[in-house]
Protein backbone atom coordinates (compact mmCIF):
# COMPACT_ATOMS: atom_id res chain seq x y z
CA MET A 1 164.26 33.05 -4.28
CA PHE A 2 166.48 34.74 -6.89
CA ILE A 3 168.97 35.18 -4.49
CA VAL A 4 169.26 32.27 -3.86
CA LEU A 5 169.57 31.10 -7.52
CA ALA A 6 172.16 33.54 -8.06
CA ILE A 7 174.08 31.89 -5.03
CA PHE A 8 174.13 28.84 -6.52
CA LEU A 9 174.66 29.67 -9.76
CA TRP A 10 178.15 31.88 -9.05
CA LEU A 11 179.33 28.79 -6.46
CA GLY A 12 178.74 26.43 -10.11
CA TYR A 13 181.30 29.07 -11.58
CA ASN A 14 183.43 29.52 -9.19
CA TYR A 15 184.15 25.79 -8.56
CA PHE A 16 184.19 24.88 -12.36
CA PHE A 17 185.76 27.57 -14.19
CA GLY A 18 188.08 29.47 -11.46
CA TRP A 19 187.60 32.56 -9.67
CA LEU A 20 188.55 35.99 -8.96
CA SER A 21 190.56 38.16 -6.83
CA PHE A 22 189.23 40.34 -4.15
CA ASN A 23 188.62 44.23 -4.96
CA SER A 24 188.00 46.35 -1.85
CA THR A 25 186.02 48.82 -4.52
CA LEU A 26 183.24 46.23 -3.81
CA CYS A 27 182.00 48.30 -0.59
CA LEU A 28 181.65 51.39 -2.74
CA ILE A 29 179.80 49.58 -5.52
CA ALA A 30 177.54 48.29 -2.94
CA GLY A 31 176.81 51.79 -1.20
CA ILE A 32 176.05 53.53 -4.97
CA PHE A 33 173.62 50.61 -6.57
CA LEU A 34 171.95 49.02 -3.45
CA ILE A 35 171.75 52.00 -0.85
CA MET A 36 171.80 54.91 -2.14
CA PRO A 37 168.55 54.47 -4.38
CA ALA A 38 166.55 54.50 -1.39
CA LEU A 39 168.37 57.50 0.49
CA LEU A 40 166.03 59.48 -2.20
CA LYS A 41 163.49 59.45 0.24
CA PHE A 42 164.96 59.95 3.24
CA SER A 43 165.94 63.62 4.79
CA PHE A 44 168.44 64.48 6.89
CA LYS A 45 166.29 65.21 9.77
CA ASP A 46 165.17 61.84 9.20
CA LEU A 47 167.60 60.33 11.76
CA PHE A 48 165.81 62.21 14.21
CA ILE A 49 163.13 59.44 14.17
CA LEU A 50 164.62 57.67 16.89
CA LYS A 51 163.80 60.44 19.20
CA GLU A 52 159.91 59.56 18.73
CA HIS A 53 160.27 55.56 18.96
CA LYS A 54 161.99 55.32 22.26
CA THR A 55 161.35 52.02 23.15
CA ILE A 56 162.08 50.61 19.60
CA THR A 57 165.55 51.90 20.02
CA ALA A 58 165.90 50.37 23.30
CA LEU A 59 165.13 46.94 22.18
CA ASN A 60 167.23 47.39 19.11
CA LEU A 61 170.46 48.47 21.46
CA VAL A 62 169.31 45.39 24.16
CA LEU A 63 168.54 42.25 21.03
CA ASN A 64 171.74 43.30 18.56
CA PHE A 65 173.75 44.11 21.08
CA LEU A 66 173.54 42.03 23.84
CA ILE A 67 170.92 39.24 23.13
CA VAL A 68 172.28 37.73 19.53
CA PRO A 69 175.79 38.12 20.20
CA TRP A 70 175.79 36.28 22.90
CA LEU A 71 173.66 33.60 21.58
CA PHE A 72 175.78 33.27 18.79
CA TYR A 73 178.92 33.22 20.80
CA PHE A 74 177.52 30.57 23.29
CA ILE A 75 175.13 28.16 21.20
CA TRP A 76 178.29 26.83 19.43
CA GLY A 77 180.79 25.58 21.79
CA LEU A 78 177.61 23.28 22.13
CA PHE A 79 177.91 21.47 18.91
CA PHE A 80 181.61 21.54 18.26
CA GLU A 81 184.73 21.34 20.02
CA VAL A 82 186.71 24.10 17.91
CA GLU A 83 187.09 27.12 19.99
CA TYR A 84 187.62 29.32 17.58
CA MET A 85 184.84 29.28 15.48
CA LYS A 86 183.22 31.13 18.10
CA TYR A 87 185.05 34.78 17.15
CA ALA A 88 183.13 34.13 13.44
CA PHE A 89 179.74 33.40 15.51
CA LEU A 90 180.60 36.79 17.38
CA LEU A 91 181.50 38.94 14.77
CA LEU A 92 178.17 38.04 12.50
CA GLY A 93 176.69 38.20 15.96
CA LEU A 94 177.64 41.70 16.47
CA ILE A 95 177.13 43.01 12.52
CA SER A 96 173.14 44.40 12.32
CA TRP A 97 171.50 45.15 9.26
CA GLY A 98 172.16 44.24 5.59
CA TRP A 99 172.67 45.42 2.47
CA LEU A 100 169.52 43.79 1.54
CA LEU A 101 167.38 45.38 4.56
CA LEU A 102 165.62 47.71 3.04
CA SER A 103 164.36 45.04 0.24
CA TRP A 104 163.04 43.01 3.08
CA ALA A 105 161.59 46.35 4.47
CA HIS A 106 159.84 47.68 1.73
CA LYS A 107 158.39 44.75 0.95
CA THR A 108 156.55 44.20 4.25
CA TRP A 109 155.20 47.56 4.37
CA SER A 110 157.97 48.47 7.22
CA ASP A 111 158.59 52.03 8.47
CA LEU A 112 161.99 52.57 6.31
CA LYS A 113 163.06 55.89 8.24
CA LEU A 114 162.63 54.38 11.01
CA THR A 115 164.74 50.94 9.86
CA PHE A 116 167.48 53.16 8.05
CA SER A 117 167.75 55.38 11.13
CA LEU A 118 168.16 52.05 13.41
CA PHE A 119 171.15 50.86 10.96
CA ILE A 120 172.77 54.20 11.14
CA LEU A 121 172.84 53.44 15.33
CA ASN A 122 173.77 49.90 15.06
CA PHE A 123 176.43 50.66 12.66
CA ILE A 124 177.84 53.66 14.74
CA ILE A 125 177.97 50.99 17.68
CA PHE A 126 179.97 48.61 15.56
CA SER A 127 182.27 50.86 14.36
CA VAL A 128 183.30 51.21 18.51
CA LEU A 129 183.28 48.12 19.61
CA PHE A 130 185.20 46.81 16.35
CA PHE A 131 188.47 48.02 17.71
CA PRO A 132 188.84 46.38 20.94
CA LEU A 133 187.28 43.37 19.11
CA ASN A 134 189.99 43.41 16.76
CA ASP A 135 192.31 43.61 19.29
CA PHE A 136 191.13 40.66 20.92
CA LEU A 137 190.64 38.47 17.78
CA LEU A 138 194.63 39.20 17.14
CA ALA A 139 195.47 38.26 20.72
CA LYS A 140 193.73 34.68 20.32
CA GLY A 141 195.12 34.90 16.53
CA GLU A 142 198.35 34.74 18.04
CA ILE A 143 197.51 31.85 20.52
CA TYR A 144 196.00 29.77 17.36
CA LYS A 145 199.25 30.50 15.17
CA SER A 146 200.76 28.61 17.59
CA SER A 147 198.95 25.71 17.33
CA LEU A 148 199.05 25.11 13.32
CA ASP A 149 199.91 22.04 12.38
CA THR A 150 200.44 20.15 8.22
CA THR A 151 197.61 18.49 9.44
CA SER A 152 194.90 21.24 9.47
CA SER A 153 192.87 22.64 7.48
CA PHE A 154 193.23 26.38 8.12
CA ILE A 155 194.79 28.34 4.47
CA ASN A 156 198.52 27.96 4.21
CA LEU A 157 200.11 30.77 5.22
CA PRO A 158 203.46 32.40 3.60
CA ASN A 159 205.59 32.54 6.26
CA GLN A 160 204.77 30.58 10.16
CA ASN A 161 207.27 32.40 11.75
CA THR A 162 206.56 36.07 10.89
CA ASP A 163 204.70 37.94 12.95
CA ILE A 164 200.62 38.34 12.61
CA THR A 165 200.70 41.49 11.45
CA CYS A 166 203.02 41.79 9.08
CA ILE A 167 201.32 38.47 7.49
CA LEU A 168 197.54 40.49 7.66
CA ASP A 169 199.51 43.49 6.33
CA SER A 170 200.58 41.71 3.27
CA ILE A 171 196.76 40.73 2.80
CA VAL A 172 194.55 42.93 0.64
CA ALA A 173 191.31 43.11 2.25
CA TRP A 174 190.40 46.35 3.48
CA CYS A 175 187.04 48.20 2.15
CA TRP A 176 188.26 50.58 -0.17
CA PHE A 177 190.61 53.14 0.91
CA THR A 178 191.48 51.94 4.58
CA PRO A 179 194.68 53.07 6.10
CA GLY A 180 197.01 50.51 6.74
CA GLN A 181 195.75 47.91 4.85
CA TRP A 182 193.26 46.84 7.42
CA PRO A 183 189.32 46.36 7.17
CA SER A 184 187.87 49.19 8.88
CA PRO A 185 184.29 49.71 10.13
CA ILE A 186 185.10 53.13 9.38
CA ALA A 187 185.43 53.06 6.02
CA ALA A 188 182.70 50.97 5.62
CA PHE A 189 181.05 53.50 6.74
CA LEU A 190 182.00 56.22 4.64
CA SER A 191 181.47 53.94 1.60
CA LEU A 192 177.94 52.31 2.37
CA ILE A 193 176.21 55.49 4.20
CA LEU A 194 178.23 58.57 3.58
CA ILE A 195 179.40 59.32 0.61
CA PRO A 196 175.85 57.25 -1.24
CA PHE A 197 174.00 59.66 1.19
CA ILE A 198 175.92 62.48 -0.47
CA VAL A 199 175.01 61.10 -3.70
CA SER A 200 171.97 60.71 -3.11
CA ARG A 201 171.53 64.91 -1.98
CA PHE A 202 172.88 66.11 -5.44
CA ILE A 203 170.82 63.88 -7.43
CA ARG A 204 167.53 65.06 -5.40
CA LEU A 205 168.35 68.76 -6.52
CA SER A 206 166.53 67.30 -9.94
CA LYS A 207 163.45 66.38 -9.08
CA SER A 208 162.55 64.76 -12.50
CA PHE A 209 165.51 62.67 -11.87
CA THR A 210 165.17 61.79 -8.66
CA ASN A 211 161.60 60.64 -9.73
CA TYR A 212 163.10 58.65 -12.92
CA LEU A 213 165.30 56.51 -10.46
CA SER A 214 162.41 56.02 -7.81
CA SER A 215 160.31 54.39 -9.68
CA LYS A 216 163.74 52.32 -11.06
CA ILE A 217 164.76 51.42 -7.73
CA TRP A 218 163.73 47.92 -7.81
CA ILE A 219 164.87 47.13 -11.30
CA ILE A 220 168.79 48.59 -10.37
CA SER A 221 168.75 46.41 -7.07
CA GLN A 222 167.97 43.84 -8.84
CA VAL A 223 170.39 43.71 -11.14
CA ALA A 224 173.32 45.13 -8.60
CA THR A 225 172.05 42.68 -6.38
CA PHE A 226 172.70 39.68 -9.05
CA LEU A 227 176.19 40.77 -9.92
CA ILE A 228 177.64 41.82 -6.62
CA ILE A 229 176.37 38.24 -5.59
CA PHE A 230 178.07 36.91 -8.53
CA TYR A 231 181.45 39.31 -7.51
CA ILE A 232 181.83 37.67 -3.94
CA PHE A 233 180.87 34.23 -4.42
CA SER A 234 183.63 33.93 -7.84
CA LEU A 235 185.91 35.04 -5.49
CA LYS A 236 188.92 32.81 -5.01
CA GLU A 237 188.44 32.55 -0.91
CA VAL A 238 185.35 31.39 -1.60
CA ASN A 239 186.73 28.47 -3.39
CA ASN A 240 188.35 26.89 -0.57
CA ILE A 241 184.62 25.93 1.00
CA PHE A 242 185.00 23.53 -1.31
CA ASN A 243 187.77 21.80 0.23
CA PHE A 244 185.58 20.56 3.51
CA ASP A 245 183.78 17.69 4.07
CA TYR A 246 180.28 17.91 2.92
CA PHE A 247 179.26 16.56 6.72
CA PHE A 248 181.12 19.15 8.38
CA ILE A 249 179.18 22.03 5.75
CA LEU A 250 175.86 20.96 6.59
CA LYS A 251 176.65 21.12 10.55
CA ILE A 252 177.75 24.65 9.92
CA ILE A 253 174.74 25.30 8.15
CA TRP A 254 172.11 23.25 10.76
CA VAL A 255 173.81 25.32 13.45
CA VAL A 256 173.66 28.56 11.65
CA LEU A 257 170.26 27.98 10.55
CA LEU A 258 169.14 27.06 14.68
CA LEU A 259 170.72 30.64 15.26
CA TYR A 260 168.74 32.53 13.06
CA LEU A 261 165.08 30.55 13.85
CA ILE A 262 166.04 31.64 17.58
CA ILE A 263 166.24 35.25 16.22
CA TYR A 264 163.52 35.66 14.21
CA ALA A 265 161.14 33.51 16.98
CA ILE A 266 162.24 36.31 19.73
CA THR A 267 161.41 38.61 16.92
CA TYR A 268 158.67 37.50 15.90
CA ILE A 269 157.12 37.72 18.57
CA ILE A 270 157.70 40.99 20.23
CA TYR A 271 156.45 42.22 16.81
CA HIS A 272 153.41 40.25 18.30
CA ILE A 273 153.30 42.23 21.40
CA TYR A 274 153.80 45.26 20.14
CA GLY A 275 151.06 45.42 17.64
CA LYS A 276 152.35 44.45 14.27
CA THR A 277 152.60 48.27 13.26
CA THR A 278 155.03 49.25 10.63
CA GLU A 279 157.77 50.97 13.56
CA VAL A 280 157.96 47.21 14.78
CA LYS A 281 158.52 45.66 11.70
CA ALA A 282 161.23 47.47 11.29
CA LEU A 283 163.09 46.58 14.36
CA PHE A 284 162.28 43.24 12.89
CA TRP A 285 164.37 43.32 9.85
CA VAL A 286 166.93 45.15 11.42
CA THR A 287 167.44 42.43 14.32
CA THR A 288 167.15 39.64 12.33
CA THR A 289 169.46 40.33 9.59
CA ARG A 290 172.87 40.32 9.63
CA PHE A 291 175.69 42.82 7.71
CA ILE A 292 177.20 39.39 5.91
CA THR A 293 178.55 41.05 3.13
CA LEU A 294 180.55 43.44 5.38
CA GLY A 295 181.02 40.34 7.42
CA LEU A 296 182.78 38.53 4.63
CA ILE A 297 184.80 41.09 4.14
CA PHE A 298 186.22 40.86 7.90
CA SER A 299 186.50 37.21 7.21
CA PHE A 300 189.19 37.35 4.16
CA VAL A 301 191.83 38.46 6.89
CA TYR A 302 190.86 36.20 9.74
CA SER A 303 190.11 33.20 7.95
CA SER A 304 194.34 33.73 7.85
CA VAL A 305 194.32 33.68 11.34
CA PHE A 306 191.66 31.38 12.77
CA GLY A 307 191.71 29.32 9.04
CA VAL A 308 189.02 28.84 6.21
CA GLU A 309 186.09 27.98 8.35
CA PHE A 310 186.31 31.62 9.66
CA LEU A 311 185.47 32.58 6.02
CA LEU A 312 182.85 29.76 5.76
CA VAL A 313 180.21 30.70 8.40
CA PHE A 314 179.86 34.03 6.79
CA SER A 315 179.23 32.37 2.87
CA LEU A 316 176.55 29.60 4.66
CA ALA A 317 175.02 32.66 6.66
CA TYR A 318 173.94 34.07 3.34
CA PHE A 319 171.43 30.93 1.99
CA VAL A 320 170.22 30.94 5.45
CA GLN A 321 169.47 34.56 6.06
CA VAL A 322 168.24 34.79 2.48
CA PHE A 323 165.71 31.74 2.49
CA LEU A 324 164.30 32.62 5.74
CA SER A 325 164.10 36.29 5.06
CA VAL A 326 162.10 35.25 2.22
CA MET A 327 159.76 33.00 4.25
CA PHE A 328 159.18 35.56 6.49
CA THR A 329 158.68 38.44 4.33
CA LYS A 330 155.71 36.24 3.40
CA ILE A 331 154.31 36.05 6.47
CA LEU A 332 155.10 39.85 7.60
CA LYS A 333 153.04 40.61 4.31
CA LYS A 334 150.08 38.52 5.32
């Protein structure tokens, strides 16, 4: 519950004392301090472990790129009439994994090598899918931009007559060194996976230093998590959630909670069917957790197209995902 308390604490800071500006080095910091320590026990040859677990790999692809995105995209329409919100849920459903995944996997004695290998596979596939998805969202954005009016809850854009790509180019929301001032999964892959992996290879050259860091992984993860959550929930973009009706916020939480419960139920049934092994636990966490931090970075840009509600979905999903992950960590440990 430490993470939930941190979220509430920094949201309170945002509400009472102001907010911070977004800085794209967040991705690199998260990669170095949250992902890199866990890679110290990971070898390059471990990436080929997927060949030994073809059934789990196939289930992972079906769940994360067919079933989950379909549920997130279509169930929203059963509760809301605002069509453009489907795209926020679609993006959330497509981004498998999360920067706390290895923490949940470690606490429940999951196969960490398989967990990370599945994550890399999913990240590569998402990176390929992102570009046609981005074109699709921009095309939809052009349609909805024309329907903006002064009574809507959209972010006020600097020039309503300006082409949407020009508006987006003025928003600094890309991940570290992405060219063209646009969020890219390629840059996220470099800063969250490749660079932390390279750093971990240099650290592994010193066995004593590797052992020292390995013994401090939990402390490093907790401190980094606290500071990163502080930064994310102190951003001025997140401050916009305080302008919404509380009933609307509760309704979003309810729909997000329902979607997550369905996913947790499906993967928990699979967990029982396939024998409660460490390998199936890896599939469980890779499927149930979504990469909300990366999605939140993307939503900073897309909220200028579809409205602050786009960002609101990812902000509120933090609470739901963390709460359910804590609960199911206790269940899987039993």
